[in-house]
N, C-alpha and C. Protein backbone atom coordinates (compact mmCIF):
# COMPACT_ATOMS: atom_id res chain seq x y z
N MET A 1 167.65 -102.64 158.64
CA MET A 1 166.43 -102.04 158.14
C MET A 1 166.49 -100.53 158.35
N THR A 2 166.16 -99.79 157.33
CA THR A 2 166.11 -98.34 157.41
C THR A 2 164.67 -97.91 157.68
N ILE A 3 164.52 -96.97 158.61
CA ILE A 3 163.20 -96.43 158.95
C ILE A 3 163.06 -95.09 158.25
N GLY A 4 162.03 -94.97 157.42
CA GLY A 4 161.77 -93.73 156.71
C GLY A 4 161.08 -92.73 157.61
N VAL A 5 161.48 -91.47 157.48
CA VAL A 5 160.99 -90.40 158.34
C VAL A 5 160.43 -89.27 157.50
N ALA A 6 159.33 -88.69 157.98
CA ALA A 6 158.78 -87.46 157.42
C ALA A 6 158.87 -86.39 158.50
N VAL A 7 159.24 -85.19 158.12
CA VAL A 7 159.25 -84.06 159.05
C VAL A 7 158.18 -83.07 158.59
N ILE A 8 157.27 -82.78 159.51
CA ILE A 8 156.20 -81.81 159.25
C ILE A 8 156.53 -80.58 160.08
N GLY A 9 156.82 -79.49 159.41
CA GLY A 9 157.27 -78.27 160.10
C GLY A 9 158.79 -78.18 160.00
N CYS A 10 159.27 -77.36 159.10
CA CYS A 10 160.71 -77.31 158.80
C CYS A 10 161.35 -76.00 159.24
N GLY A 11 160.87 -75.46 160.34
CA GLY A 11 161.52 -74.30 160.93
C GLY A 11 162.76 -74.75 161.67
N LEU A 12 163.19 -73.99 162.64
CA LEU A 12 164.42 -74.27 163.39
C LEU A 12 164.42 -75.67 163.98
N VAL A 13 163.39 -76.03 164.72
CA VAL A 13 163.35 -77.32 165.41
C VAL A 13 163.21 -78.46 164.41
N GLY A 14 162.34 -78.33 163.43
CA GLY A 14 162.19 -79.38 162.44
C GLY A 14 163.47 -79.65 161.68
N GLN A 15 164.19 -78.59 161.31
CA GLN A 15 165.46 -78.79 160.61
C GLN A 15 166.50 -79.44 161.51
N LYS A 16 166.53 -79.04 162.78
CA LYS A 16 167.47 -79.68 163.72
C LYS A 16 167.18 -81.17 163.84
N ARG A 17 165.91 -81.51 163.95
CA ARG A 17 165.54 -82.93 164.03
C ARG A 17 165.95 -83.67 162.76
N ALA A 18 165.69 -83.09 161.61
CA ALA A 18 166.03 -83.73 160.34
C ALA A 18 167.54 -83.96 160.22
N LEU A 19 168.32 -82.99 160.64
CA LEU A 19 169.77 -83.11 160.55
C LEU A 19 170.36 -84.05 161.58
N ALA A 20 169.63 -84.32 162.65
CA ALA A 20 170.15 -85.15 163.74
C ALA A 20 169.65 -86.59 163.70
N LEU A 21 169.03 -87.00 162.61
CA LEU A 21 168.53 -88.38 162.56
C LEU A 21 169.69 -89.35 162.71
N PRO A 22 169.55 -90.31 163.60
CA PRO A 22 170.63 -91.28 163.81
C PRO A 22 170.69 -92.32 162.69
N ALA A 23 171.74 -93.10 162.71
CA ALA A 23 171.90 -94.18 161.74
C ALA A 23 170.67 -95.09 161.82
N GLY A 24 170.21 -95.53 160.68
CA GLY A 24 169.05 -96.39 160.62
C GLY A 24 167.76 -95.65 160.32
N LEU A 25 167.81 -94.32 160.45
CA LEU A 25 166.67 -93.48 160.09
C LEU A 25 167.05 -92.63 158.89
N GLU A 26 166.13 -92.50 157.94
CA GLU A 26 166.41 -91.77 156.72
C GLU A 26 165.27 -90.82 156.39
N LEU A 27 165.59 -89.56 156.20
CA LEU A 27 164.57 -88.59 155.85
C LEU A 27 164.05 -88.88 154.45
N ARG A 28 162.73 -89.06 154.34
CA ARG A 28 162.12 -89.37 153.05
C ARG A 28 161.29 -88.22 152.51
N SER A 29 160.64 -87.47 153.44
CA SER A 29 159.78 -86.38 152.97
C SER A 29 159.69 -85.28 154.01
N VAL A 30 159.41 -84.07 153.51
CA VAL A 30 159.26 -82.90 154.38
C VAL A 30 158.08 -82.08 153.90
N PHE A 31 157.48 -81.34 154.85
CA PHE A 31 156.44 -80.40 154.50
C PHE A 31 156.50 -79.22 155.46
N ASP A 32 156.28 -78.05 154.91
CA ASP A 32 156.11 -76.83 155.68
C ASP A 32 155.18 -75.92 154.88
N ILE A 33 154.37 -75.13 155.59
CA ILE A 33 153.49 -74.22 154.85
C ILE A 33 154.30 -73.21 154.06
N ASP A 34 155.53 -72.95 154.50
CA ASP A 34 156.47 -72.14 153.73
C ASP A 34 157.34 -73.10 152.92
N HIS A 35 157.00 -73.25 151.67
CA HIS A 35 157.67 -74.22 150.79
C HIS A 35 159.20 -74.03 150.80
N ARG A 36 159.66 -72.79 150.94
CA ARG A 36 161.11 -72.53 150.96
C ARG A 36 161.78 -73.21 152.15
N CYS A 37 161.12 -73.21 153.31
CA CYS A 37 161.68 -73.87 154.49
C CYS A 37 161.79 -75.38 154.27
N ALA A 38 160.75 -75.96 153.66
CA ALA A 38 160.78 -77.39 153.38
C ALA A 38 161.91 -77.72 152.41
N GLN A 39 162.05 -76.91 151.37
CA GLN A 39 163.12 -77.14 150.39
C GLN A 39 164.49 -77.00 151.04
N GLU A 40 164.64 -76.01 151.91
CA GLU A 40 165.91 -75.81 152.61
C GLU A 40 166.25 -77.04 153.46
N ALA A 41 165.27 -77.58 154.17
CA ALA A 41 165.50 -78.77 154.99
C ALA A 41 165.94 -79.94 154.12
N ALA A 42 165.25 -80.14 153.01
CA ALA A 42 165.60 -81.24 152.10
C ALA A 42 167.02 -81.06 151.56
N ASP A 43 167.35 -79.85 151.17
CA ASP A 43 168.69 -79.58 150.63
C ASP A 43 169.77 -79.78 151.67
N ARG A 44 169.52 -79.35 152.90
CA ARG A 44 170.53 -79.47 153.96
C ARG A 44 170.81 -80.92 154.31
N VAL A 45 169.77 -81.75 154.30
CA VAL A 45 169.95 -83.17 154.63
C VAL A 45 170.58 -83.91 153.46
N GLY A 46 170.19 -83.55 152.26
CA GLY A 46 170.73 -84.21 151.07
C GLY A 46 170.04 -85.54 150.81
N GLY A 47 170.47 -86.20 149.77
CA GLY A 47 169.85 -87.46 149.38
C GLY A 47 168.55 -87.22 148.66
N ILE A 48 167.74 -88.25 148.59
CA ILE A 48 166.46 -88.16 147.90
C ILE A 48 165.39 -87.89 148.95
N VAL A 49 164.99 -86.63 149.03
CA VAL A 49 163.96 -86.20 149.99
C VAL A 49 162.87 -85.50 149.19
N SER A 50 161.65 -85.98 149.37
CA SER A 50 160.51 -85.40 148.68
C SER A 50 160.02 -84.17 149.44
N VAL A 51 159.86 -83.07 148.73
CA VAL A 51 159.25 -81.87 149.31
C VAL A 51 157.78 -81.93 148.93
N SER A 52 156.95 -82.20 149.93
CA SER A 52 155.54 -82.48 149.69
C SER A 52 154.70 -81.21 149.67
N GLU A 53 153.55 -81.32 149.04
CA GLU A 53 152.62 -80.20 148.92
C GLU A 53 151.64 -80.13 150.09
N SER A 54 151.60 -81.19 150.91
CA SER A 54 150.73 -81.19 152.09
C SER A 54 151.34 -82.08 153.16
N ALA A 55 150.90 -81.86 154.38
CA ALA A 55 151.37 -82.70 155.49
C ALA A 55 150.95 -84.15 155.27
N LEU A 56 149.71 -84.34 154.82
CA LEU A 56 149.22 -85.70 154.57
C LEU A 56 150.06 -86.40 153.52
N ASP A 57 150.39 -85.70 152.46
CA ASP A 57 151.23 -86.29 151.41
C ASP A 57 152.60 -86.68 151.97
N ALA A 58 153.19 -85.83 152.80
CA ALA A 58 154.52 -86.12 153.37
C ALA A 58 154.48 -87.35 154.25
N MET A 59 153.46 -87.45 155.10
CA MET A 59 153.43 -88.54 156.07
C MET A 59 152.97 -89.87 155.48
N THR A 60 152.38 -89.85 154.30
CA THR A 60 151.90 -91.10 153.70
C THR A 60 152.77 -91.57 152.53
N LYS A 61 153.90 -90.93 152.33
CA LYS A 61 154.83 -91.39 151.28
C LYS A 61 155.23 -92.83 151.55
N ASP A 62 155.46 -93.58 150.49
CA ASP A 62 155.95 -94.95 150.64
C ASP A 62 157.24 -94.94 151.44
N GLY A 63 157.33 -95.86 152.36
CA GLY A 63 158.54 -96.01 153.15
C GLY A 63 158.62 -95.15 154.39
N VAL A 64 157.63 -94.29 154.62
CA VAL A 64 157.63 -93.47 155.84
C VAL A 64 156.96 -94.25 156.96
N HIS A 65 157.69 -94.43 158.05
CA HIS A 65 157.18 -95.15 159.21
C HIS A 65 157.07 -94.26 160.44
N LEU A 66 157.82 -93.16 160.44
CA LEU A 66 157.88 -92.26 161.58
C LEU A 66 157.66 -90.83 161.10
N VAL A 67 156.81 -90.11 161.81
CA VAL A 67 156.54 -88.71 161.47
C VAL A 67 156.97 -87.84 162.64
N ILE A 68 157.77 -86.83 162.35
CA ILE A 68 158.17 -85.85 163.34
C ILE A 68 157.34 -84.60 163.10
N VAL A 69 156.58 -84.19 164.13
CA VAL A 69 155.71 -83.03 164.03
C VAL A 69 156.35 -81.89 164.82
N ALA A 70 156.82 -80.88 164.12
CA ALA A 70 157.52 -79.74 164.72
C ALA A 70 156.86 -78.45 164.24
N THR A 71 155.63 -78.26 164.65
CA THR A 71 154.82 -77.13 164.19
C THR A 71 154.40 -76.27 165.37
N PRO A 72 153.71 -75.16 165.12
CA PRO A 72 153.14 -74.40 166.25
C PRO A 72 152.22 -75.29 167.09
N HIS A 73 152.10 -74.95 168.36
CA HIS A 73 151.41 -75.79 169.33
C HIS A 73 150.01 -76.20 168.91
N HIS A 74 149.24 -75.30 168.34
CA HIS A 74 147.85 -75.63 168.00
C HIS A 74 147.73 -76.67 166.88
N GLN A 75 148.83 -76.93 166.17
CA GLN A 75 148.80 -77.91 165.08
C GLN A 75 149.37 -79.28 165.49
N LEU A 76 149.99 -79.36 166.65
CA LEU A 76 150.67 -80.59 167.05
C LEU A 76 149.75 -81.80 167.07
N VAL A 77 148.68 -81.74 167.85
CA VAL A 77 147.79 -82.90 167.98
C VAL A 77 147.05 -83.20 166.67
N PRO A 78 146.47 -82.22 165.99
CA PRO A 78 145.78 -82.58 164.74
C PRO A 78 146.70 -83.29 163.73
N LEU A 79 147.93 -82.84 163.60
CA LEU A 79 148.84 -83.48 162.65
C LEU A 79 149.30 -84.84 163.17
N ALA A 80 149.57 -84.94 164.45
CA ALA A 80 149.97 -86.22 165.03
C ALA A 80 148.83 -87.24 164.90
N LEU A 81 147.60 -86.80 165.13
CA LEU A 81 146.44 -87.69 164.95
C LEU A 81 146.35 -88.19 163.51
N GLU A 82 146.57 -87.30 162.57
CA GLU A 82 146.53 -87.70 161.15
C GLU A 82 147.60 -88.76 160.87
N ALA A 83 148.77 -88.59 161.44
CA ALA A 83 149.83 -89.57 161.24
C ALA A 83 149.45 -90.92 161.86
N VAL A 84 148.95 -90.90 163.08
CA VAL A 84 148.55 -92.14 163.76
C VAL A 84 147.44 -92.84 162.98
N ARG A 85 146.47 -92.07 162.51
CA ARG A 85 145.37 -92.67 161.75
C ARG A 85 145.85 -93.28 160.44
N ASN A 86 147.03 -92.88 160.00
CA ASN A 86 147.67 -93.47 158.82
C ASN A 86 148.74 -94.48 159.22
N HIS A 87 148.66 -94.95 160.46
CA HIS A 87 149.52 -96.01 160.99
C HIS A 87 151.00 -95.66 160.97
N ARG A 88 151.29 -94.42 161.38
CA ARG A 88 152.68 -93.97 161.50
C ARG A 88 152.98 -93.69 162.97
N HIS A 89 154.18 -94.03 163.39
CA HIS A 89 154.65 -93.65 164.73
C HIS A 89 154.98 -92.16 164.69
N VAL A 90 154.96 -91.51 165.87
CA VAL A 90 155.09 -90.05 165.89
C VAL A 90 156.02 -89.58 167.01
N LEU A 91 156.89 -88.64 166.65
CA LEU A 91 157.60 -87.82 167.63
C LEU A 91 156.99 -86.44 167.49
N VAL A 92 156.29 -86.00 168.52
CA VAL A 92 155.65 -84.69 168.49
C VAL A 92 156.44 -83.78 169.43
N GLU A 93 156.72 -82.59 168.99
CA GLU A 93 157.50 -81.67 169.83
C GLU A 93 156.69 -81.22 171.04
N LYS A 94 157.42 -80.79 172.05
CA LYS A 94 156.77 -80.30 173.26
C LYS A 94 155.99 -79.03 172.94
N PRO A 95 154.91 -78.83 173.55
CA PRO A 95 154.36 -79.49 174.73
C PRO A 95 153.52 -80.72 174.42
N GLY A 96 153.44 -81.15 173.18
CA GLY A 96 152.66 -82.32 172.82
C GLY A 96 151.23 -82.00 172.43
N GLY A 97 150.71 -80.89 172.91
CA GLY A 97 149.34 -80.48 172.59
C GLY A 97 148.98 -79.25 173.39
N ILE A 98 147.84 -78.66 173.06
CA ILE A 98 147.45 -77.42 173.75
C ILE A 98 146.59 -77.66 174.97
N SER A 99 146.18 -78.92 175.20
CA SER A 99 145.39 -79.24 176.38
C SER A 99 145.58 -80.70 176.74
N LEU A 100 145.28 -81.01 177.99
CA LEU A 100 145.34 -82.40 178.43
C LEU A 100 144.34 -83.24 177.65
N MET A 101 143.17 -82.71 177.38
CA MET A 101 142.16 -83.44 176.63
C MET A 101 142.67 -83.81 175.23
N ALA A 102 143.35 -82.88 174.57
CA ALA A 102 143.89 -83.16 173.24
C ALA A 102 144.96 -84.24 173.29
N VAL A 103 145.82 -84.19 174.28
CA VAL A 103 146.89 -85.19 174.40
C VAL A 103 146.29 -86.56 174.73
N ARG A 104 145.25 -86.58 175.55
CA ARG A 104 144.58 -87.85 175.85
C ARG A 104 143.94 -88.44 174.59
N GLU A 105 143.35 -87.59 173.76
CA GLU A 105 142.77 -88.05 172.49
C GLU A 105 143.85 -88.68 171.62
N LEU A 106 145.01 -88.05 171.56
CA LEU A 106 146.12 -88.58 170.78
C LEU A 106 146.60 -89.91 171.35
N SER A 107 146.71 -89.99 172.65
CA SER A 107 147.13 -91.22 173.31
C SER A 107 146.16 -92.37 173.02
N LYS A 108 144.88 -92.09 173.10
CA LYS A 108 143.86 -93.10 172.81
C LYS A 108 143.97 -93.58 171.36
N ALA A 109 144.12 -92.65 170.43
CA ALA A 109 144.25 -93.02 169.01
C ALA A 109 145.49 -93.87 168.78
N ALA A 110 146.58 -93.53 169.45
CA ALA A 110 147.82 -94.31 169.29
C ALA A 110 147.61 -95.74 169.76
N ARG A 111 146.93 -95.92 170.88
CA ARG A 111 146.64 -97.28 171.36
C ARG A 111 145.77 -98.04 170.36
N GLU A 112 144.74 -97.37 169.87
CA GLU A 112 143.82 -98.02 168.92
C GLU A 112 144.52 -98.44 167.63
N HIS A 113 145.46 -97.63 167.17
CA HIS A 113 146.15 -97.92 165.90
C HIS A 113 147.50 -98.61 166.11
N LYS A 114 147.80 -98.95 167.38
CA LYS A 114 149.04 -99.64 167.72
C LYS A 114 150.28 -98.88 167.24
N CYS A 115 150.26 -97.57 167.47
CA CYS A 115 151.38 -96.69 167.12
C CYS A 115 152.00 -96.12 168.39
N ARG A 116 153.25 -95.79 168.30
CA ARG A 116 153.94 -95.16 169.42
C ARG A 116 153.99 -93.66 169.23
N ILE A 117 153.78 -92.96 170.33
CA ILE A 117 153.87 -91.50 170.35
C ILE A 117 154.90 -91.13 171.40
N ARG A 118 155.78 -90.21 171.06
CA ARG A 118 156.74 -89.68 172.02
C ARG A 118 156.74 -88.17 171.89
N VAL A 119 156.96 -87.50 173.02
CA VAL A 119 157.05 -86.04 173.03
C VAL A 119 158.51 -85.66 173.13
N GLY A 120 158.98 -84.86 172.17
CA GLY A 120 160.37 -84.43 172.16
C GLY A 120 160.61 -83.36 173.23
N PHE A 121 161.59 -83.61 174.05
CA PHE A 121 161.98 -82.63 175.08
C PHE A 121 163.47 -82.78 175.27
N ASN A 122 164.24 -82.08 174.46
CA ASN A 122 165.69 -82.28 174.42
C ASN A 122 166.45 -81.47 175.45
N HIS A 123 165.79 -80.69 176.28
CA HIS A 123 166.52 -79.85 177.25
C HIS A 123 166.76 -80.53 178.59
N ARG A 124 166.26 -81.74 178.78
CA ARG A 124 166.41 -82.36 180.10
C ARG A 124 167.86 -82.70 180.42
N PHE A 125 168.73 -82.77 179.44
CA PHE A 125 170.13 -83.10 179.68
C PHE A 125 171.06 -81.91 179.71
N HIS A 126 170.51 -80.71 179.58
CA HIS A 126 171.35 -79.50 179.64
C HIS A 126 171.77 -79.27 181.09
N PRO A 127 173.00 -78.77 181.28
CA PRO A 127 173.45 -78.51 182.66
C PRO A 127 172.62 -77.40 183.31
């Protein structure tokens, strides 16, 4: 089974995540407020990747089960909440949110919608 992925935020980190998807995960859609960044991410990954006009459109495309949120900190929780409310699992980049209260709200929503949330922190294995 292939798991469809949407990447919201196609700057440096979002593109790295898109390019590093393991076997079994397939990039289906991307969104960035800078349309050129989204197009660049889609082109670099190759295949059939939809460049969406909004974050909501990207995360609700048919076949998308996982949303990677790689945006500025103040947008992390609102976008992750939108994904969870649309029954998508989420990998949200660190710090996960701008406050403990925001992260708790996201955690509560994930439990209610039976979705998994993970915070990306790829530096723990650096020497």
